[in-house]
PDB file of N, CA and C in Angstrom:
ATOM      1  N   MET A   1     -15.487 -58.749 153.406  1.00  0.00           N
ATOM      2  CA  MET A   1     -14.538 -58.258 154.389  1.00  0.00           C
ATOM      3  C   MET A   1     -13.149 -58.234 153.781  1.00  0.00           C
ATOM      4  N   ALA A   2     -12.406 -57.173 154.033  1.00  0.00           N
ATOM      5  CA  ALA A   2     -11.043 -57.035 153.532  1.00  0.00           C
ATOM      6  C   ALA A   2     -10.119 -57.997 154.263  1.00  0.00           C
ATOM      7  N   SER A   3      -9.067 -58.423 153.573  1.00  0.00           N
ATOM      8  CA  SER A   3      -8.087 -59.292 154.205  1.00  0.00           C
ATOM      9  C   SER A   3      -6.695 -58.754 153.914  1.00  0.00           C
ATOM     10  N   ALA A   4      -5.762 -59.054 154.786  1.00  0.00           N
ATOM     11  CA  ALA A   4      -4.396 -58.570 154.631  1.00  0.00           C
ATOM     12  C   ALA A   4      -3.427 -59.708 154.898  1.00  0.00           C
ATOM     13  N   THR A   5      -2.151 -59.457 154.610  1.00  0.00           N
ATOM     14  CA  THR A   5      -1.125 -60.456 154.843  1.00  0.00           C
ATOM     15  C   THR A   5      -0.089 -59.933 155.816  1.00  0.00           C
ATOM     16  N   ARG A   6       0.491 -60.799 156.614  1.00  0.00           N
ATOM     17  CA  ARG A   6       1.624 -60.526 157.509  1.00  0.00           C
ATOM     18  C   ARG A   6       1.498 -59.243 158.312  1.00  0.00           C
ATOM     19  N   ARG A   7       0.761 -59.270 159.379  1.00  0.00           N
ATOM     20  CA  ARG A   7       0.551 -58.082 160.208  1.00  0.00           C
ATOM     21  C   ARG A   7       1.654 -57.873 161.252  1.00  0.00           C
ATOM     22  N   ASP A   8       2.651 -58.742 161.317  1.00  0.00           N
ATOM     23  CA  ASP A   8       3.660 -58.666 162.369  1.00  0.00           C
ATOM     24  C   ASP A   8       4.901 -57.872 161.959  1.00  0.00           C
ATOM     25  N   ARG A   9       4.892 -57.195 160.840  1.00  0.00           N
ATOM     26  CA  ARG A   9       6.071 -56.459 160.379  1.00  0.00           C
ATOM     27  C   ARG A   9       5.868 -54.959 160.562  1.00  0.00           C
ATOM     28  N   ASN A  10       6.974 -54.225 160.611  1.00  0.00           N
ATOM     29  CA  ASN A  10       6.868 -52.768 160.696  1.00  0.00           C
ATOM     30  C   ASN A  10       7.587 -52.073 159.548  1.00  0.00           C
ATOM     31  N   GLU A  11       8.014 -52.837 158.551  1.00  0.00           N
ATOM     32  CA  GLU A  11       8.566 -52.255 157.336  1.00  0.00           C
ATOM     33  C   GLU A  11       8.189 -53.138 156.160  1.00  0.00           C
ATOM     34  N   GLY A  12       8.259 -52.580 154.980  1.00  0.00           N
ATOM     35  CA  GLY A  12       7.839 -53.299 153.785  1.00  0.00           C
ATOM     36  C   GLY A  12       6.460 -52.833 153.352  1.00  0.00           C
ATOM     37  N   VAL A  13       5.822 -53.642 152.531  1.00  0.00           N
ATOM     38  CA  VAL A  13       4.511 -53.303 151.988  1.00  0.00           C
ATOM     39  C   VAL A  13       3.527 -54.409 152.326  1.00  0.00           C
ATOM     40  N   GLU A  14       2.344 -53.997 152.739  1.00  0.00           N
ATOM     41  CA  GLU A  14       1.252 -54.932 153.017  1.00  0.00           C
ATOM     42  C   GLU A  14       0.188 -54.725 151.944  1.00  0.00           C
ATOM     43  N   PHE A  15      -0.323 -55.815 151.383  1.00  0.00           N
ATOM     44  CA  PHE A  15      -1.395 -55.742 150.399  1.00  0.00           C
ATOM     45  C   PHE A  15      -2.697 -56.152 151.067  1.00  0.00           C
ATOM     46  N   VAL A  16      -3.717 -55.332 150.870  1.00  0.00           N
ATOM     47  CA  VAL A  16      -5.042 -55.600 151.422  1.00  0.00           C
ATOM     48  C   VAL A  16      -5.988 -55.814 150.248  1.00  0.00           C
ATOM     49  N   HIS A  17      -6.644 -56.965 150.224  1.00  0.00           N
ATOM     50  CA  HIS A  17      -7.612 -57.277 149.174  1.00  0.00           C
ATOM     51  C   HIS A  17      -8.977 -56.778 149.633  1.00  0.00           C
ATOM     52  N   GLU A  18      -9.468 -55.735 148.963  1.00  0.00           N
ATOM     53  CA  GLU A  18     -10.718 -55.093 149.352  1.00  0.00           C
ATOM     54  C   GLU A  18     -11.922 -55.867 148.818  1.00  0.00           C
ATOM     55  N   ASP A  19     -13.072 -55.626 149.442  1.00  0.00           N
ATOM     56  CA  ASP A  19     -14.305 -56.302 149.051  1.00  0.00           C
ATOM     57  C   ASP A  19     -14.707 -56.012 147.610  1.00  0.00           C
ATOM     58  N   ASP A  20     -14.354 -54.834 147.110  1.00  0.00           N
ATOM     59  CA  ASP A  20     -14.749 -54.463 145.747  1.00  0.00           C
ATOM     60  C   ASP A  20     -13.796 -55.008 144.686  1.00  0.00           C
ATOM     61  N   GLY A  21     -12.790 -55.795 145.105  1.00  0.00           N
ATOM     62  CA  GLY A  21     -11.846 -56.393 144.171  1.00  0.00           C
ATOM     63  C   GLY A  21     -10.560 -55.611 144.004  1.00  0.00           C
ATOM     64  N   SER A  22     -10.528 -54.387 144.493  1.00  0.00           N
ATOM     65  CA  SER A  22      -9.300 -53.601 144.386  1.00  0.00           C
ATOM     66  C   SER A  22      -8.292 -54.078 145.426  1.00  0.00           C
ATOM     67  N   ILE A  23      -7.060 -53.673 145.232  1.00  0.00           N
ATOM     68  CA  ILE A  23      -5.984 -54.042 146.149  1.00  0.00           C
ATOM     69  C   ILE A  23      -5.346 -52.767 146.673  1.00  0.00           C
ATOM     70  N   THR A  24      -5.225 -52.671 147.985  1.00  0.00           N
ATOM     71  CA  THR A  24      -4.569 -51.536 148.617  1.00  0.00           C
ATOM     72  C   THR A  24      -3.165 -51.953 149.020  1.00  0.00           C
ATOM     73  N   ALA A  25      -2.182 -51.123 148.694  1.00  0.00           N
ATOM     74  CA  ALA A  25      -0.798 -51.339 149.104  1.00  0.00           C
ATOM     75  C   ALA A  25      -0.479 -50.313 150.184  1.00  0.00           C
ATOM     76  N   VAL A  26      -0.009 -50.788 151.339  1.00  0.00           N
ATOM     77  CA  VAL A  26       0.290 -49.917 152.473  1.00  0.00           C
ATOM     78  C   VAL A  26       1.774 -50.021 152.799  1.00  0.00           C
ATOM     79  N   ASP A  27       2.465 -48.883 152.826  1.00  0.00           N
ATOM     80  CA  ASP A  27       3.850 -48.852 153.276  1.00  0.00           C
ATOM     81  C   ASP A  27       3.824 -48.893 154.797  1.00  0.00           C
ATOM     82  N   LEU A  28       4.345 -49.953 155.388  1.00  0.00           N
ATOM     83  CA  LEU A  28       4.228 -50.151 156.831  1.00  0.00           C
ATOM     84  C   LEU A  28       5.052 -49.158 157.639  1.00  0.00           C
ATOM     85  N   GLU A  29       6.116 -48.649 157.082  1.00  0.00           N
ATOM     86  CA  GLU A  29       6.960 -47.702 157.816  1.00  0.00           C
ATOM     87  C   GLU A  29       6.294 -46.334 157.957  1.00  0.00           C
ATOM     88  N   THR A  30       5.657 -45.856 156.875  1.00  0.00           N
ATOM     89  CA  THR A  30       5.083 -44.511 156.888  1.00  0.00           C
ATOM     90  C   THR A  30       3.572 -44.489 157.078  1.00  0.00           C
ATOM     91  N   GLY A  31       2.914 -45.599 156.756  1.00  0.00           N
ATOM     92  CA  GLY A  31       1.456 -45.632 156.802  1.00  0.00           C
ATOM     93  C   GLY A  31       0.809 -45.103 155.534  1.00  0.00           C
ATOM     94  N   VAL A  32       1.610 -44.663 154.569  1.00  0.00           N
ATOM     95  CA  VAL A  32       1.080 -44.171 153.294  1.00  0.00           C
ATOM     96  C   VAL A  32       0.491 -45.351 152.532  1.00  0.00           C
ATOM     97  N   ALA A  33      -0.659 -45.123 151.900  1.00  0.00           N
ATOM     98  CA  ALA A  33      -1.336 -46.194 151.172  1.00  0.00           C
ATOM     99  C   ALA A  33      -1.858 -45.687 149.841  1.00  0.00           C
ATOM    100  N   SER A  34      -2.016 -46.609 148.909  1.00  0.00           N
ATOM    101  CA  SER A  34      -2.651 -46.323 147.632  1.00  0.00           C
ATOM    102  C   SER A  34      -3.260 -47.622 147.137  1.00  0.00           C
ATOM    103  N   PHE A  35      -4.027 -47.549 146.061  1.00  0.00           N
ATOM    104  CA  PHE A  35      -4.718 -48.752 145.608  1.00  0.00           C
ATOM    105  C   PHE A  35      -4.718 -48.850 144.094  1.00  0.00           C
ATOM    106  N   GLY A  36      -5.085 -50.023 143.611  1.00  0.00           N
ATOM    107  CA  GLY A  36      -5.208 -50.265 142.178  1.00  0.00           C
ATOM    108  C   GLY A  36      -6.000 -51.524 141.938  1.00  0.00           C
ATOM    109  N   ASP A  37      -6.162 -51.866 140.666  1.00  0.00           N
ATOM    110  CA  ASP A  37      -6.911 -53.068 140.304  1.00  0.00           C
ATOM    111  C   ASP A  37      -6.062 -54.325 140.412  1.00  0.00           C
ATOM    112  N   SER A  38      -4.740 -54.159 140.516  1.00  0.00           N
ATOM    113  CA  SER A  38      -3.824 -55.292 140.655  1.00  0.00           C
ATOM    114  C   SER A  38      -2.734 -54.908 141.652  1.00  0.00           C
ATOM    115  N   LYS A  39      -1.951 -55.903 142.083  1.00  0.00           N
ATOM    116  CA  LYS A  39      -0.837 -55.596 142.988  1.00  0.00           C
ATOM    117  C   LYS A  39       0.160 -54.663 142.314  1.00  0.00           C
ATOM    118  N   ALA A  40       0.432 -54.912 141.034  1.00  0.00           N
ATOM    119  CA  ALA A  40       1.392 -54.074 140.313  1.00  0.00           C
ATOM    120  C   ALA A  40       0.916 -52.626 140.246  1.00  0.00           C
ATOM    121  N   GLU A  41      -0.363 -52.429 139.941  1.00  0.00           N
ATOM    122  CA  GLU A  41      -0.892 -51.067 139.863  1.00  0.00           C
ATOM    123  C   GLU A  41      -0.890 -50.404 141.240  1.00  0.00           C
ATOM    124  N   ALA A  42      -1.287 -51.146 142.267  1.00  0.00           N
ATOM    125  CA  ALA A  42      -1.298 -50.599 143.629  1.00  0.00           C
ATOM    126  C   ALA A  42       0.115 -50.212 144.059  1.00  0.00           C
ATOM    127  N   LEU A  43       1.088 -51.036 143.731  1.00  0.00           N
ATOM    128  CA  LEU A  43       2.477 -50.759 144.089  1.00  0.00           C
ATOM    129  C   LEU A  43       3.011 -49.541 143.332  1.00  0.00           C
ATOM    130  N   SER A  44       2.659 -49.418 142.068  1.00  0.00           N
ATOM    131  CA  SER A  44       3.064 -48.260 141.278  1.00  0.00           C
ATOM    132  C   SER A  44       2.468 -46.973 141.845  1.00  0.00           C
ATOM    133  N   MET A  45       1.197 -47.024 142.195  1.00  0.00           N
ATOM    134  CA  MET A  45       0.533 -45.857 142.776  1.00  0.00           C
ATOM    135  C   MET A  45       1.126 -45.530 144.149  1.00  0.00           C
ATOM    136  N   LEU A  46       1.486 -46.570 144.921  1.00  0.00           N
ATOM    137  CA  LEU A  46       2.108 -46.357 146.226  1.00  0.00           C
ATOM    138  C   LEU A  46       3.465 -45.673 146.066  1.00  0.00           C
ATOM    139  N   ALA A  47       4.234 -46.082 145.071  1.00  0.00           N
ATOM    140  CA  ALA A  47       5.538 -45.453 144.831  1.00  0.00           C
ATOM    141  C   ALA A  47       5.370 -43.960 144.569  1.00  0.00           C
ATOM    142  N   GLU A  48       4.364 -43.601 143.779  1.00  0.00           N
ATOM    143  CA  GLU A  48       4.106 -42.183 143.505  1.00  0.00           C
ATOM    144  C   GLU A  48       3.669 -41.456 144.774  1.00  0.00           C
ATOM    145  N   ALA A  49       2.796 -42.090 145.555  1.00  0.00           N
ATOM    146  CA  ALA A  49       2.326 -41.475 146.804  1.00  0.00           C
ATOM    147  C   ALA A  49       3.482 -41.269 147.777  1.00  0.00           C
ATOM    148  N   LEU A  50       4.396 -42.231 147.857  1.00  0.00           N
ATOM    149  CA  LEU A  50       5.553 -42.097 148.745  1.00  0.00           C
ATOM    150  C   LEU A  50       6.470 -40.967 148.294  1.00  0.00           C
ATOM    151  N   GLU A  51       6.656 -40.833 146.981  1.00  0.00           N
ATOM    152  CA  GLU A  51       7.484 -39.736 146.472  1.00  0.00           C
ATOM    153  C   GLU A  51       6.888 -38.392 146.881  1.00  0.00           C
ATOM    154  N   LEU A  52       5.584 -38.256 146.728  1.00  0.00           N
ATOM    155  CA  LEU A  52       4.925 -37.008 147.112  1.00  0.00           C
ATOM    156  C   LEU A  52       4.975 -36.804 148.622  1.00  0.00           C
ATOM    157  N   HIS A  53       4.813 -37.876 149.373  1.00  0.00           N
ATOM    158  CA  HIS A  53       4.873 -37.814 150.839  1.00  0.00           C
ATOM    159  C   HIS A  53       6.233 -37.303 151.309  1.00  0.00           C
ATOM    160  N   GLU A  54       7.271 -37.673 150.585  1.00  0.00           N
ATOM    161  CA  GLU A  54       8.636 -37.286 150.948  1.00  0.00           C
ATOM    162  C   GLU A  54       9.034 -35.934 150.367  1.00  0.00           C
ATOM    163  N   GLY A  55       8.092 -35.218 149.756  1.00  0.00           N
ATOM    164  CA  GLY A  55       8.380 -33.878 149.257  1.00  0.00           C
ATOM    165  C   GLY A  55       8.693 -33.799 147.780  1.00  0.00           C
ATOM    166  N   GLY A  56       8.563 -34.899 147.067  1.00  0.00           N
ATOM    167  CA  GLY A  56       8.813 -34.881 145.630  1.00  0.00           C
ATOM    168  C   GLY A  56       7.648 -34.266 144.880  1.00  0.00           C
ATOM    169  N   GLY A  57       7.787 -34.205 143.581  1.00  0.00           N
ATOM    170  CA  GLY A  57       6.719 -33.659 142.755  1.00  0.00           C
ATOM    171  C   GLY A  57       6.844 -32.156 142.599  1.00  0.00           C
ATOM    172  N   GLU A  58       5.917 -31.596 141.876  1.00  0.00           N
ATOM    173  CA  GLU A  58       5.903 -30.165 141.595  1.00  0.00           C
ATOM    174  C   GLU A  58       4.750 -29.505 142.341  1.00  0.00           C
ATOM    175  N   PRO A  59       4.954 -28.283 142.830  1.00  0.00           N
ATOM    176  CA  PRO A  59       3.854 -27.583 143.501  1.00  0.00           C
ATOM    177  C   PRO A  59       2.768 -27.201 142.492  1.00  0.00           C
ATOM    178  N   VAL A  60       1.543 -27.095 142.970  1.00  0.00           N
ATOM    179  CA  VAL A  60       0.427 -26.659 142.138  1.00  0.00           C
ATOM    180  C   VAL A  60       0.483 -25.141 142.031  1.00  0.00           C
ATOM    181  N   THR A  61       0.444 -24.636 140.816  1.00  0.00           N
ATOM    182  CA  THR A  61       0.516 -23.193 140.582  1.00  0.00           C
ATOM    183  C   THR A  61      -0.873 -22.632 140.287  1.00  0.00           C
ATOM    184  N   ASP A  62      -0.977 -21.307 140.301  1.00  0.00           N
ATOM    185  CA  ASP A  62      -2.237 -20.661 139.931  1.00  0.00           C
ATOM    186  C   ASP A  62      -2.638 -21.041 138.511  1.00  0.00           C
ATOM    187  N   ALA A  63      -1.657 -21.155 137.617  1.00  0.00           N
ATOM    188  CA  ALA A  63      -1.944 -21.547 136.233  1.00  0.00           C
ATOM    189  C   ALA A  63      -2.543 -22.955 136.179  1.00  0.00           C
ATOM    190  N   ASP A  64      -2.028 -23.860 137.025  1.00  0.00           N
ATOM    191  CA  ASP A  64      -2.595 -25.212 137.096  1.00  0.00           C
ATOM    192  C   ASP A  64      -4.052 -25.150 137.521  1.00  0.00           C
ATOM    193  N   LEU A  65      -4.321 -24.387 138.569  1.00  0.00           N
ATOM    194  CA  LEU A  65      -5.689 -24.272 139.076  1.00  0.00           C
ATOM    195  C   LEU A  65      -6.626 -23.725 138.006  1.00  0.00           C
ATOM    196  N   GLU A  66      -6.181 -22.703 137.302  1.00  0.00           N
ATOM    197  CA  GLU A  66      -7.003 -22.114 136.239  1.00  0.00           C
ATOM    198  C   GLU A  66      -7.249 -23.110 135.116  1.00  0.00           C
ATOM    199  N   GLU A  67      -6.232 -23.896 134.777  1.00  0.00           N
ATOM    200  CA  GLU A  67      -6.376 -24.920 133.741  1.00  0.00           C
ATOM    201  C   GLU A  67      -7.428 -25.955 134.141  1.00  0.00           C
ATOM    202  N   TRP A  68      -7.533 -26.227 135.429  1.00  0.00           N
ATOM    203  CA  TRP A  68      -8.498 -27.210 135.939  1.00  0.00           C
ATOM    204  C   TRP A  68      -9.863 -26.591 136.216  1.00  0.00           C
ATOM    205  N   GLY A  69     -10.006 -25.295 135.871  1.00  0.00           N
ATOM    206  CA  GLY A  69     -11.289 -24.627 136.056  1.00  0.00           C
ATOM    207  C   GLY A  69     -11.530 -24.124 137.464  1.00  0.00           C
ATOM    208  N   LEU A  70     -10.458 -23.939 138.231  1.00  0.00           N
ATOM    209  CA  LEU A  70     -10.574 -23.454 139.607  1.00  0.00           C
ATOM    210  C   LEU A  70     -10.017 -22.044 139.707  1.00  0.00           C
ATOM    211  N   ASP A  71     -10.666 -21.217 140.492  1.00  0.00           N
ATOM    212  CA  ASP A  71     -10.199 -19.848 140.701  1.00  0.00           C
ATOM    213  C   ASP A  71      -9.220 -19.842 141.872  1.00  0.00           C
ATOM    214  N   PRO A  72      -7.951 -19.508 141.624  1.00  0.00           N
ATOM    215  CA  PRO A  72      -6.955 -19.545 142.699  1.00  0.00           C
ATOM    216  C   PRO A  72      -7.215 -18.541 143.813  1.00  0.00           C
ATOM    217  N   ASP A  73      -8.051 -17.528 143.551  1.00  0.00           N
ATOM    218  CA  ASP A  73      -8.329 -16.512 144.564  1.00  0.00           C
ATOM    219  C   ASP A  73      -9.529 -16.846 145.439  1.00  0.00           C
ATOM    220  N   VAL A  74     -10.251 -17.903 145.099  1.00  0.00           N
ATOM    221  CA  VAL A  74     -11.420 -18.300 145.883  1.00  0.00           C
ATOM    222  C   VAL A  74     -11.005 -19.441 146.804  1.00  0.00           C
ATOM    223  N   THR A  75     -11.132 -19.197 148.094  1.00  0.00           N
ATOM    224  CA  THR A  75     -10.727 -20.218 149.061  1.00  0.00           C
ATOM    225  C   THR A  75     -11.901 -20.985 149.627  1.00  0.00           C
ATOM    226  N   GLY A  76     -13.096 -20.542 149.366  1.00  0.00           N
ATOM    227  CA  GLY A  76     -14.263 -21.226 149.909  1.00  0.00           C
ATOM    228  C   GLY A  76     -14.592 -20.719 151.293  1.00  0.00           C
ATOM    229  N   ASP A  77     -15.701 -21.196 151.813  1.00  0.00           N
ATOM    230  CA  ASP A  77     -16.147 -20.721 153.123  1.00  0.00           C
ATOM    231  C   ASP A  77     -16.000 -21.771 154.214  1.00  0.00           C
ATOM    232  N   LYS A  78     -15.350 -22.873 153.884  1.00  0.00           N
ATOM    233  CA  LYS A  78     -15.167 -23.929 154.879  1.00  0.00           C
ATOM    234  C   LYS A  78     -13.871 -23.711 155.646  1.00  0.00           C
ATOM    235  N   GLU A  79     -13.905 -24.068 156.917  1.00  0.00           N
ATOM    236  CA  GLU A  79     -12.711 -23.969 157.750  1.00  0.00           C
ATOM    237  C   GLU A  79     -11.736 -25.077 157.359  1.00  0.00           C
ATOM    238  N   LEU A  80     -10.446 -24.776 157.436  1.00  0.00           N
ATOM    239  CA  LEU A  80      -9.434 -25.782 157.134  1.00  0.00           C
ATOM    240  C   LEU A  80      -9.502 -26.925 158.137  1.00  0.00           C
ATOM    241  N   PRO A  81      -9.191 -28.155 157.694  1.00  0.00           N
ATOM    242  CA  PRO A  81      -9.091 -29.259 158.647  1.00  0.00           C
ATOM    243  C   PRO A  81      -8.010 -28.950 159.682  1.00  0.00           C
ATOM    244  N   GLU A  82      -8.122 -29.528 160.850  1.00  0.00           N
ATOM    245  CA  GLU A  82      -7.193 -29.245 161.952  1.00  0.00           C
ATOM    246  C   GLU A  82      -5.734 -29.440 161.554  1.00  0.00           C
ATOM    247  N   PHE A  83      -5.444 -30.506 160.786  1.00  0.00           N
ATOM    248  CA  PHE A  83      -4.053 -30.784 160.443  1.00  0.00           C
ATOM    249  C   PHE A  83      -3.459 -29.741 159.492  1.00  0.00           C
ATOM    250  N   MET A  84      -4.309 -28.917 158.857  1.00  0.00           N
ATOM    251  CA  MET A  84      -3.818 -27.893 157.936  1.00  0.00           C
ATOM    252  C   MET A  84      -3.739 -26.513 158.581  1.00  0.00           C
ATOM    253  N   GLN A  85      -4.197 -26.372 159.809  1.00  0.00           N
ATOM    254  CA  GLN A  85      -4.194 -25.070 160.479  1.00  0.00           C
ATOM    255  C   GLN A  85      -2.853 -24.784 161.115  1.00  0.00           C
TER     256      GLN A  85
END
């Protein structure tokens, strides 16, 4: 069973120790979370996730998709999730 620390706060970071040994870091203000094998790694990954959440980073281009072996013109036959519609 996963365990966490200090559930009475609404800002800061909460670390959750998962059953598989990984650690999840959750930003309490935004709800954004990421994980790693250590607290330091989880916190580093959370910092990157928060930057992207706030609009940082670079957009994915057609060239990126092609480099990853994906066809930018193929959208698939699945309906978009509700939050993306």
